[in-house]
């Protein structure tokens, strides 16, 4: 990507180096020890104490690192992306993130203005290891995510190596991740996220998963829309970038991740879409540049 001359966003919140929130510190440990004499009086108390201890130790995420908890998105290869691993390199990667975020601001600001509305950009939080958001405590193992409660995208730069492990390295792969999470912010502003959340609460498990897939694929399509304008209006893309994006979208497909975790492919358990679906909808956004062509709900409701 041609990113170095791009505008930097003022909406990056750098929390790297902060102490990981959660059960750490003597306050959490002290409370746990104070409860121990009472909990140890019964068998059930033992179980509660063990559970609390696990929550304290793992910082509130008992599923961290377990198969099946792969992130919906991941970052670029440390060697072929905007920097390599390490503090200095991460600063360069942070600059890359800031430029991509700024470019999404320009794209969606223009599109919202054309629609007679105003775009309020999200904040993007850089963190290490674990972070607390309005959506609760999360570890880096959950991958990049968007929290509608505080309208922020959360990103641990160490996650930039994961996409390489999945077979899709490259700086544009990382840009796709950021644009996908910003796509969720767009859905939040449009009211789509809330409607789908309400529908999922009323639905059975399979239907709920299906609605989640539609939402995620639309965010992929919105990432493609951003790429369309980044390429057409600002000439940011280089040869091979879109291929990187397509590989990244496919690499984080549910079927690919299920196989990688050693499990049988189960479409009813998909929450983000198959590799083919994710690549298709990213390409749909990129080739059309039209938000109206990203109606995954209409396209998939009859399938």
Protein backbone atom coordinates (compact mmCIF):
# COMPACT_ATOMS: atom_id res chain seq x y z
CA UNK A 1 0.00 0.00 0.00
CA UNK A 2 1.02 3.60 -0.61
CA UNK A 3 0.30 4.81 2.88
CA UNK A 4 3.26 6.81 4.19
CA UNK A 5 2.11 10.14 2.77
CA UNK A 6 -1.43 9.67 4.01
CA UNK A 7 -3.16 11.75 6.65
CA UNK A 8 -2.90 10.50 10.25
CA UNK A 9 -6.08 10.17 12.25
CA UNK A 10 -6.52 12.03 15.52
CA UNK A 11 -8.87 9.29 16.72
CA UNK A 12 -6.23 6.75 17.81
CA UNK A 13 -6.13 6.09 21.55
CA UNK A 14 -2.86 4.42 22.51
CA UNK A 15 -3.18 2.30 25.67
CA UNK A 16 -0.14 0.15 24.99
CA UNK A 17 1.98 -0.26 28.06
CA UNK A 18 -0.91 0.13 30.45
CA UNK A 19 -1.34 -2.59 33.05
CA UNK A 20 -3.78 -5.22 31.86
CA UNK A 21 -7.13 -4.66 33.59
CA UNK A 22 -9.18 -7.35 35.28
CA UNK A 23 -8.41 -9.41 38.34
CA UNK A 24 -4.77 -8.36 38.58
CA UNK A 25 -3.39 -6.43 41.55
CA UNK A 26 -3.64 -7.03 45.27
CA UNK A 27 -7.17 -5.66 45.38
CA UNK A 28 -8.58 -8.55 43.35
CA UNK A 29 -6.30 -11.12 44.96
CA UNK A 30 -7.01 -9.76 48.45
CA UNK A 31 -10.74 -10.06 47.96
CA UNK A 32 -10.33 -13.60 46.71
CA UNK A 33 -8.22 -14.60 49.73
CA UNK A 34 -10.70 -12.96 52.10
CA UNK A 35 -13.50 -15.11 50.70
CA UNK A 36 -11.50 -18.33 50.81
CA UNK A 37 -12.23 -19.37 54.48
CA UNK A 38 -15.97 -19.14 53.86
CA UNK A 39 -15.93 -20.86 50.48
CA UNK A 40 -13.80 -23.77 51.68
CA UNK A 41 -16.49 -24.92 54.12
CA UNK A 42 -18.44 -26.75 51.43
CA UNK A 43 -17.83 -28.72 48.25
CA UNK A 44 -19.74 -26.13 46.24
CA UNK A 45 -17.58 -23.44 47.83
CA UNK A 46 -14.47 -25.20 46.57
CA UNK A 47 -15.84 -25.06 43.02
CA UNK A 48 -16.72 -21.39 43.34
CA UNK A 49 -13.23 -20.62 44.67
CA UNK A 50 -11.61 -22.45 41.76
CA UNK A 51 -13.80 -20.59 39.27
CA UNK A 52 -13.00 -17.23 40.84
CA UNK A 53 -9.33 -18.09 40.87
CA UNK A 54 -9.43 -18.94 37.18
CA UNK A 55 -11.17 -15.67 36.37
CA UNK A 56 -8.55 -13.79 38.44
CA UNK A 57 -5.67 -15.57 36.77
CA UNK A 58 -6.91 -15.37 33.17
CA UNK A 59 -8.22 -11.81 33.46
CA UNK A 60 -11.86 -12.71 32.85
CA UNK A 61 -11.43 -14.71 29.62
CA UNK A 62 -11.49 -18.42 30.38
CA UNK A 63 -11.50 -19.32 26.70
CA UNK A 64 -8.34 -17.43 25.78
CA UNK A 65 -6.16 -19.43 23.41
CA UNK A 66 -8.55 -22.36 23.17
CA UNK A 67 -9.38 -23.86 19.75
CA UNK A 68 -12.40 -22.18 18.26
CA UNK A 69 -11.75 -18.74 19.74
CA UNK A 70 -9.95 -17.45 16.67
CA UNK A 71 -10.59 -13.82 15.91
CA UNK A 72 -12.86 -12.83 13.02
CA UNK A 73 -9.98 -10.81 11.75
CA UNK A 74 -6.24 -10.64 11.99
CA UNK A 75 -3.29 -8.43 11.11
CA UNK A 76 -0.54 -8.39 8.51
CA UNK A 77 2.67 -10.32 8.29
CA UNK A 78 5.43 -8.79 10.40
CA UNK A 79 7.92 -9.15 7.57
CA UNK A 80 5.86 -7.92 4.59
CA UNK A 81 3.63 -5.46 6.41
CA UNK A 82 4.47 -1.92 7.48
CA UNK A 83 6.93 -3.05 10.15
CA UNK A 84 8.49 -5.95 12.01
CA UNK A 85 7.93 -7.18 15.52
CA UNK A 86 9.29 -5.05 18.34
CA UNK A 87 8.56 -1.73 20.01
CA UNK A 88 10.06 0.46 17.29
CA UNK A 89 8.37 -1.51 14.54
CA UNK A 90 5.07 -1.39 16.39
CA UNK A 91 5.32 2.39 16.36
CA UNK A 92 5.58 2.21 12.57
CA UNK A 93 2.65 -0.19 12.45
CA UNK A 94 0.72 2.21 14.67
CA UNK A 95 1.38 4.94 12.10
CA UNK A 96 0.05 2.61 9.41
CA UNK A 97 -3.08 1.97 11.46
CA UNK A 98 -3.56 5.71 11.94
CA UNK A 99 -3.34 6.35 8.18
CA UNK A 100 -5.79 3.58 7.32
CA UNK A 101 -8.22 4.80 9.98
CA UNK A 102 -7.96 8.35 8.60
CA UNK A 103 -8.71 7.07 5.12
CA UNK A 104 -11.81 5.25 6.32
CA UNK A 105 -12.87 8.54 7.92
CA UNK A 106 -12.53 10.31 4.58
CA UNK A 107 -14.44 7.61 2.71
CA UNK A 108 -17.35 7.26 5.10
CA UNK A 109 -17.47 10.98 5.79
CA UNK A 110 -18.05 11.61 2.09
CA UNK A 111 -20.56 8.79 1.71
CA UNK A 112 -22.60 9.90 4.71
CA UNK A 113 -22.54 13.49 3.47
CA UNK A 114 -23.81 12.39 0.06
CA UNK A 115 -26.66 10.60 1.84
CA UNK A 116 -27.55 13.80 3.71
CA UNK A 117 -26.11 12.67 7.03
CA UNK A 118 -23.00 13.22 9.13
CA UNK A 119 -20.43 10.57 9.93
CA UNK A 120 -19.10 10.35 13.48
CA UNK A 121 -15.85 8.35 13.25
CA UNK A 122 -14.94 5.73 15.85
CA UNK A 123 -11.97 5.87 18.15
CA UNK A 124 -9.39 3.13 17.62
CA UNK A 125 -7.73 1.80 20.78
CA UNK A 126 -4.29 0.20 20.59
CA UNK A 127 -3.58 -2.11 23.52
CA UNK A 128 -1.41 -4.95 24.73
CA UNK A 129 -2.58 -8.30 26.06
CA UNK A 130 -5.95 -7.28 27.55
CA UNK A 131 -8.29 -4.33 27.55
CA UNK A 132 -11.50 -3.20 29.19
CA UNK A 133 -14.19 -1.66 27.01
CA UNK A 134 -17.88 -0.89 27.39
CA UNK A 135 -18.36 -4.48 26.17
CA UNK A 136 -16.37 -5.93 29.07
CA UNK A 137 -12.87 -7.32 29.55
CA UNK A 138 -11.21 -8.89 26.50
CA UNK A 139 -7.83 -10.49 25.92
CA UNK A 140 -5.81 -10.22 22.74
CA UNK A 141 -6.88 -13.79 21.91
CA UNK A 142 -10.31 -12.59 20.82
CA UNK A 143 -8.70 -10.56 18.06
CA UNK A 144 -9.66 -7.10 16.80
CA UNK A 145 -13.21 -6.10 17.71
CA UNK A 146 -15.68 -3.24 17.67
CA UNK A 147 -17.66 -2.30 20.76
CA UNK A 148 -20.92 -0.46 19.98
CA UNK A 149 -21.26 0.56 23.63
CA UNK A 150 -18.39 3.05 23.39
CA UNK A 151 -18.11 3.18 19.58
CA UNK A 152 -14.46 2.11 19.60
CA UNK A 153 -12.38 -0.36 17.61
CA UNK A 154 -9.90 -2.35 19.73
CA UNK A 155 -6.68 -3.67 18.24
CA UNK A 156 -3.65 -5.44 19.70
CA UNK A 157 -0.76 -5.00 17.25
CA UNK A 158 0.74 -8.36 18.24
CA UNK A 159 -2.18 -9.86 16.37
CA UNK A 160 -0.52 -8.74 13.14
CA UNK A 161 1.28 -12.10 12.97
CA UNK A 162 -1.86 -14.22 13.08
CA UNK A 163 -2.86 -13.68 9.47
CA UNK A 164 0.54 -14.86 8.32
CA UNK A 165 -0.03 -18.09 10.23
CA UNK A 166 -3.36 -18.42 8.43
CA UNK A 167 -1.61 -18.04 5.06
CA UNK A 168 -2.56 -14.46 4.19
CA UNK A 169 0.27 -12.00 4.94
CA UNK A 170 0.57 -8.43 3.72
CA UNK A 171 -0.06 -4.85 4.77
CA UNK A 172 -3.37 -4.64 2.92
CA UNK A 173 -4.55 -7.72 4.84
CA UNK A 174 -4.15 -5.65 8.01
CA UNK A 175 -5.93 -2.70 6.37
CA UNK A 176 -8.83 -5.02 5.53
CA UNK A 177 -9.09 -5.93 9.22
CA UNK A 178 -9.33 -2.29 10.27
CA UNK A 179 -11.82 -1.48 7.52
CA UNK A 180 -13.96 -4.48 8.53
CA UNK A 181 -14.16 -3.30 12.15
CA UNK A 182 -14.95 0.24 10.97
CA UNK A 183 -17.68 -1.39 8.89
CA UNK A 184 -19.26 -2.54 12.14
CA UNK A 185 -19.20 1.07 13.32
CA UNK A 186 -21.03 2.10 10.15
CA UNK A 187 -23.63 -0.59 10.86
CA UNK A 188 -24.00 0.78 14.37
CA UNK A 189 -24.57 4.32 13.10
CA UNK A 190 -27.11 3.03 10.57
CA UNK A 191 -29.04 1.20 13.28
CA UNK A 192 -28.43 -2.18 11.64
CA UNK A 193 -26.45 -3.66 14.52
CA UNK A 194 -29.18 -2.98 17.08
CA UNK A 195 -31.90 -4.44 14.87
CA UNK A 196 -29.92 -7.62 14.30
CA UNK A 197 -29.05 -7.93 17.98
CA UNK A 198 -32.73 -7.71 18.89
CA UNK A 199 -33.62 -10.28 16.24
CA UNK A 200 -30.90 -12.64 17.48
CA UNK A 201 -32.24 -12.47 21.03
CA UNK A 202 -35.62 -13.73 19.80
CA UNK A 203 -34.20 -16.40 17.51
CA UNK A 204 -33.03 -19.98 17.99
CA UNK A 205 -29.31 -20.75 17.92
CA UNK A 206 -29.06 -21.62 14.22
CA UNK A 207 -31.04 -18.54 13.14
CA UNK A 208 -29.03 -16.35 15.51
CA UNK A 209 -25.79 -17.59 13.96
CA UNK A 210 -27.18 -16.97 10.49
CA UNK A 211 -28.02 -13.37 11.36
CA UNK A 212 -24.51 -12.93 12.75
CA UNK A 213 -23.07 -14.21 9.46
CA UNK A 214 -25.12 -11.67 7.49
CA UNK A 215 -23.88 -8.86 9.72
CA UNK A 216 -20.24 -9.91 9.41
CA UNK A 217 -20.43 -10.33 5.64
CA UNK A 218 -21.91 -6.86 5.31
CA UNK A 219 -18.93 -5.51 7.27
CA UNK A 220 -16.68 -7.34 4.78
CA UNK A 221 -18.57 -5.66 1.94
CA UNK A 222 -18.21 -2.26 3.61
CA UNK A 223 -14.44 -2.92 3.86
CA UNK A 224 -14.49 -3.49 0.11
CA UNK A 225 -16.35 -0.21 -0.42
CA UNK A 226 -13.61 1.60 1.49
CA UNK A 227 -10.95 -0.12 -0.67
CA UNK A 228 -12.77 1.04 -3.82
CA UNK A 229 -12.50 4.71 -2.84
CA UNK A 230 -9.00 4.39 -1.38
CA UNK A 231 -7.91 3.09 -4.77
CA UNK A 232 -9.99 5.31 -7.07
CA UNK A 233 -9.71 8.62 -5.24
CA UNK A 234 -6.37 8.40 -3.42
CA UNK A 235 -4.39 5.79 -5.36
CA UNK A 236 -3.39 4.00 -2.15
CA UNK A 237 -3.51 0.45 -3.50
CA UNK A 238 -0.61 -1.25 -5.24
CA UNK A 239 -0.66 -4.33 -7.49
CA UNK A 240 -1.45 -7.40 -5.41
CA UNK A 241 -3.20 -5.54 -2.59
CA UNK A 242 -6.71 -6.68 -3.47
CA UNK A 243 -5.45 -10.24 -3.76
CA UNK A 244 -4.08 -9.85 -0.22
CA UNK A 245 -7.49 -8.66 0.92
CA UNK A 246 -9.26 -11.57 -0.73
CA UNK A 247 -6.84 -14.06 0.81
CA UNK A 248 -7.31 -12.45 4.20
CA UNK A 249 -11.10 -12.56 3.92
CA UNK A 250 -10.96 -16.23 2.94
CA UNK A 251 -8.39 -17.10 5.61
CA UNK A 252 -10.72 -15.99 8.41
CA UNK A 253 -13.72 -17.89 7.03
CA UNK A 254 -15.44 -20.07 9.61
CA UNK A 255 -14.87 -23.26 7.62
CA UNK A 256 -11.15 -22.55 7.35
CA UNK A 257 -10.87 -21.81 11.07
CA UNK A 258 -12.86 -24.91 12.01
CA UNK A 259 -10.58 -27.13 9.94
CA UNK A 260 -7.51 -25.42 11.38
CA UNK A 261 -8.81 -26.16 14.88
CA UNK A 262 -9.16 -29.85 13.95
CA UNK A 263 -12.96 -29.81 13.87
CA UNK A 264 -15.43 -30.90 11.24
CA UNK A 265 -16.99 -28.08 9.23
CA UNK A 266 -20.39 -27.19 10.67
CA UNK A 267 -22.22 -24.48 8.67
CA UNK A 268 -24.91 -24.15 11.34
CA UNK A 269 -22.19 -23.02 13.76
CA UNK A 270 -20.84 -20.33 11.43
CA UNK A 271 -20.93 -16.82 12.90
CA UNK A 272 -18.83 -14.93 10.33
CA UNK A 273 -19.33 -16.78 7.06
CA UNK A 274 -17.38 -19.25 4.97
CA UNK A 275 -14.11 -18.42 3.24
CA UNK A 276 -15.92 -18.21 -0.10
CA UNK A 277 -18.64 -15.92 1.29
CA UNK A 278 -16.21 -13.56 2.97
CA UNK A 279 -14.04 -13.18 -0.12
CA UNK A 280 -17.15 -12.75 -2.30
CA UNK A 281 -18.64 -9.93 -0.24
CA UNK A 282 -15.34 -8.08 0.14
CA UNK A 283 -14.97 -8.22 -3.63
CA UNK A 284 -18.58 -7.13 -4.07
CA UNK A 285 -17.86 -3.94 -2.16
CA UNK A 286 -14.59 -3.33 -3.97
CA UNK A 287 -15.87 -3.83 -7.51
CA UNK A 288 -19.04 -1.75 -7.06
CA UNK A 289 -18.12 0.89 -4.45
CA UNK A 290 -21.84 0.91 -3.71
CA UNK A 291 -23.14 0.56 -0.15
CA UNK A 292 -26.52 -0.49 -1.53
CA UNK A 293 -24.88 -3.57 -3.06
CA UNK A 294 -23.93 -4.72 0.45
CA UNK A 295 -27.41 -5.88 1.47
CA UNK A 296 -26.34 -9.33 2.64
CA UNK A 297 -29.61 -9.72 4.55
CA UNK A 298 -31.69 -9.67 1.38
CA UNK A 299 -29.17 -11.73 -0.59
CA UNK A 300 -28.82 -14.50 2.01
CA UNK A 301 -32.28 -14.62 3.61
CA UNK A 302 -33.60 -17.07 1.05
CA UNK A 303 -30.67 -19.47 1.25
